[in-house]
Amino acid sequence: MVISAAVSAINSDIFSAGRMMYGMAHNGQAPASFAQLSRFGVPWMTVVVMAVALLLGVVLNYLAPDNLFLILAAVVTFSIVWVWLMILLSQIVMRRGMSADEVARLHFPVPFWPVGPACAVVFMLFIFGVLAWFPDTRMALYVGIGWLALLSLGYWLFVARQPLATLADPVSR
């Protein structure tokens, strides 16, 4: 039963990652090779990348069998908290740039504005502090910060340096 569930989850991950990367490649947000389909309509490059990632997981399980689950859980925690922190900060910046009329027309008001979002930001930063406090989860911060640096470098190399006209017109890519 557990093996069946694990294989099903892996299949789902490969399928969803493949479709996401395929769409991103069509929008110019991922390498064009991710937009190539096999004769069966499968984005084959994503399957290859996911297979390499799964093999990396097997290698990591061999190298650190006792700590792998804790490390992966900490990395997932970092990524979830980072995404929610960015959502919160984006919403705060957006709301501050809106007029009172625009805020009044919002269909989904923010409860306890501005105290609620501020408390949520503080809580997200607290979670980062907890990750940093415990030696077992500190690796997640190192990996997360390294991943953010790598993504920033990739953005700077492949997106930010393109002329604005190219970014606005996906056909010209």
Foldseek 3Di string as FASTA:
>chain_A
DVVVVVVVVLVVVLVVQLVVQLVCLLLVNHPVLSVDADPVRTSVVSVVVSVVVVVVVVVVCVVCVPQSVLQVVLLVLVVVLVVVLVVLVVVVVVVVPDDPVVQVPDPDHDPPPPVVSVVSNVVSVVVVVVLCVDPSNVVSVVVVVVVVVVVVVCCVVRPPPDDPVCSVDSVVD
